[in-house]
Protein backbone atom coordinates (compact mmCIF):
# COMPACT_ATOMS: atom_id res chain seq x y z
CA MET A 1 -34.55 -15.35 -3.50
CA LEU A 2 -31.95 -15.82 -0.59
CA ARG A 3 -32.45 -15.37 2.61
CA ARG A 4 -29.99 -13.73 4.95
CA ASN A 5 -28.95 -16.85 6.37
CA ASP A 6 -28.26 -18.14 2.79
CA LEU A 7 -25.78 -15.32 2.16
CA SER A 8 -22.91 -17.17 4.18
CA LYS A 9 -22.77 -19.68 1.08
CA ILE A 10 -22.06 -16.85 -1.15
CA PRO A 11 -18.08 -15.62 -1.38
CA VAL A 12 -17.58 -12.14 0.09
CA VAL A 13 -16.07 -11.00 -3.33
CA ALA A 14 -19.40 -12.02 -5.29
CA LEU A 15 -21.38 -9.93 -2.64
CA LEU A 16 -19.48 -7.00 -3.29
CA VAL A 17 -19.50 -6.95 -6.97
CA ALA A 18 -23.34 -7.78 -6.99
CA SER A 19 -23.80 -4.83 -4.62
CA ALA A 20 -21.57 -2.76 -6.50
CA MET A 21 -23.66 -3.35 -9.75
CA LEU A 22 -27.05 -3.01 -7.93
CA ALA A 23 -25.86 0.57 -6.78
CA GLY A 24 -25.88 1.69 -10.16
CA THR A 25 -22.59 0.61 -11.94
CA THR A 26 -22.86 0.17 -15.63
CA LEU A 27 -20.59 -1.35 -17.89
CA SER A 28 -19.92 0.35 -21.29
CA LEU A 29 -18.34 -1.33 -24.09
CA ALA A 30 -17.76 2.32 -25.94
CA ALA A 31 -14.32 3.70 -25.37
CA GLU A 32 -14.10 6.71 -23.20
CA PRO A 33 -11.74 9.59 -23.95
CA ALA A 34 -10.28 9.39 -20.40
CA GLU A 35 -10.76 6.58 -18.17
CA LYS A 36 -12.54 7.29 -15.05
CA SER A 37 -11.69 5.97 -11.68
CA LEU A 38 -13.42 3.03 -10.25
CA TYR A 39 -14.67 5.43 -7.53
CA ASP A 40 -16.33 7.58 -10.29
CA ARG A 41 -17.68 4.52 -12.28
CA LEU A 42 -19.36 3.38 -8.86
CA GLY A 43 -21.14 6.33 -8.87
CA GLY A 44 -19.14 8.23 -5.95
CA ILE A 45 -19.46 8.38 -2.26
CA TYR A 46 -23.03 7.44 -1.60
CA PRO A 47 -23.22 4.49 -3.74
CA ILE A 48 -20.19 3.18 -2.05
CA ALA A 49 -21.67 4.20 1.52
CA SER A 50 -24.79 2.47 0.34
CA VAL A 51 -23.18 -0.84 -0.26
CA VAL A 52 -20.77 -0.95 2.71
CA ASP A 53 -24.09 -0.02 4.86
CA SER A 54 -25.91 -3.32 3.44
CA PHE A 55 -23.02 -5.49 3.13
CA THR A 56 -22.03 -4.55 6.82
CA ASP A 57 -25.44 -5.44 7.97
CA ILE A 58 -25.30 -8.59 6.30
CA LEU A 59 -22.17 -9.29 7.93
CA LEU A 60 -23.12 -8.49 11.55
CA VAL A 61 -25.70 -11.31 11.59
CA ASN A 62 -23.47 -13.91 9.84
CA ASP A 63 -23.54 -16.90 12.37
CA ALA A 64 -20.09 -18.23 11.16
CA LEU A 65 -18.34 -14.86 11.62
CA ASN A 66 -20.38 -14.65 15.27
CA ALA A 67 -18.65 -17.72 16.33
CA ASN A 68 -15.16 -16.37 16.30
CA PRO A 69 -14.19 -14.88 19.52
CA ALA A 70 -11.84 -12.33 18.17
CA ILE A 71 -14.49 -10.79 15.84
CA ASP A 72 -17.06 -10.84 18.78
CA ALA A 73 -14.85 -8.78 20.84
CA ALA A 74 -14.14 -6.37 17.91
CA ARG A 75 -17.76 -5.96 17.25
CA LYS A 76 -18.19 -5.14 20.98
CA ARG A 77 -15.28 -2.86 21.01
CA VAL A 78 -16.22 -0.58 17.71
CA PRO A 79 -19.75 1.06 17.32
CA THR A 80 -21.38 -0.26 14.13
CA PRO A 81 -21.67 3.29 12.90
CA GLY A 82 -17.82 3.98 13.23
CA LEU A 83 -17.04 0.67 11.31
CA LYS A 84 -19.21 1.73 8.45
CA PHE A 85 -17.48 5.14 8.04
CA ARG A 86 -14.00 3.67 8.33
CA VAL A 87 -14.93 1.13 5.64
CA THR A 88 -16.50 3.53 3.35
CA ALA A 89 -13.57 5.89 3.86
CA LEU A 90 -11.33 3.02 2.77
CA VAL A 91 -13.42 1.70 -0.31
CA CYS A 92 -13.41 5.27 -1.50
CA GLN A 93 -9.77 5.72 -1.03
CA ALA A 94 -8.85 2.34 -2.65
CA THR A 95 -11.25 3.23 -5.59
CA GLY A 96 -9.54 6.34 -6.57
CA GLY A 97 -11.91 8.77 -4.52
CA PRO A 98 -11.14 11.89 -2.58
CA CYS A 99 -11.41 10.16 0.96
CA ASN A 100 -8.39 9.57 3.39
CA TYR A 101 -8.63 6.19 5.28
CA SER A 102 -6.99 6.79 8.34
CA GLY A 103 -7.66 3.66 10.13
CA ARG A 104 -5.29 0.63 10.74
CA SER A 105 -3.17 -0.61 7.70
CA MET A 106 -4.51 -3.44 5.99
CA LYS A 107 -1.22 -5.27 6.19
CA MET A 108 -1.31 -5.56 9.73
CA PRO A 109 -3.91 -8.19 11.31
CA MET A 110 -6.79 -6.34 12.18
CA LEU A 111 -8.03 -8.10 14.86
CA THR A 112 -4.97 -8.09 17.08
């Protein structure tokens, strides 16, 4: 079993995939009449919010990230619930859900 400090050794993408799978995503080999969006396959907003909540909690205690002064300043400026809300909206929209992310563009550096 991994401890929280061990999670910094796992790539972020692997954590997201594992979290999504734990949130109820299932793979099916049978062809479906119309392919569902990734949002629907993930189970909608509640599983996405649950994964974002857990993942954000893990990131907030990551010593490597906390050592970065820009990230530290951003965390002090943005309340954790607001961050979780924005990330949930971003993932919802990016996976084909009905949410509308209204934060900064991901093409811009987020910490400037």
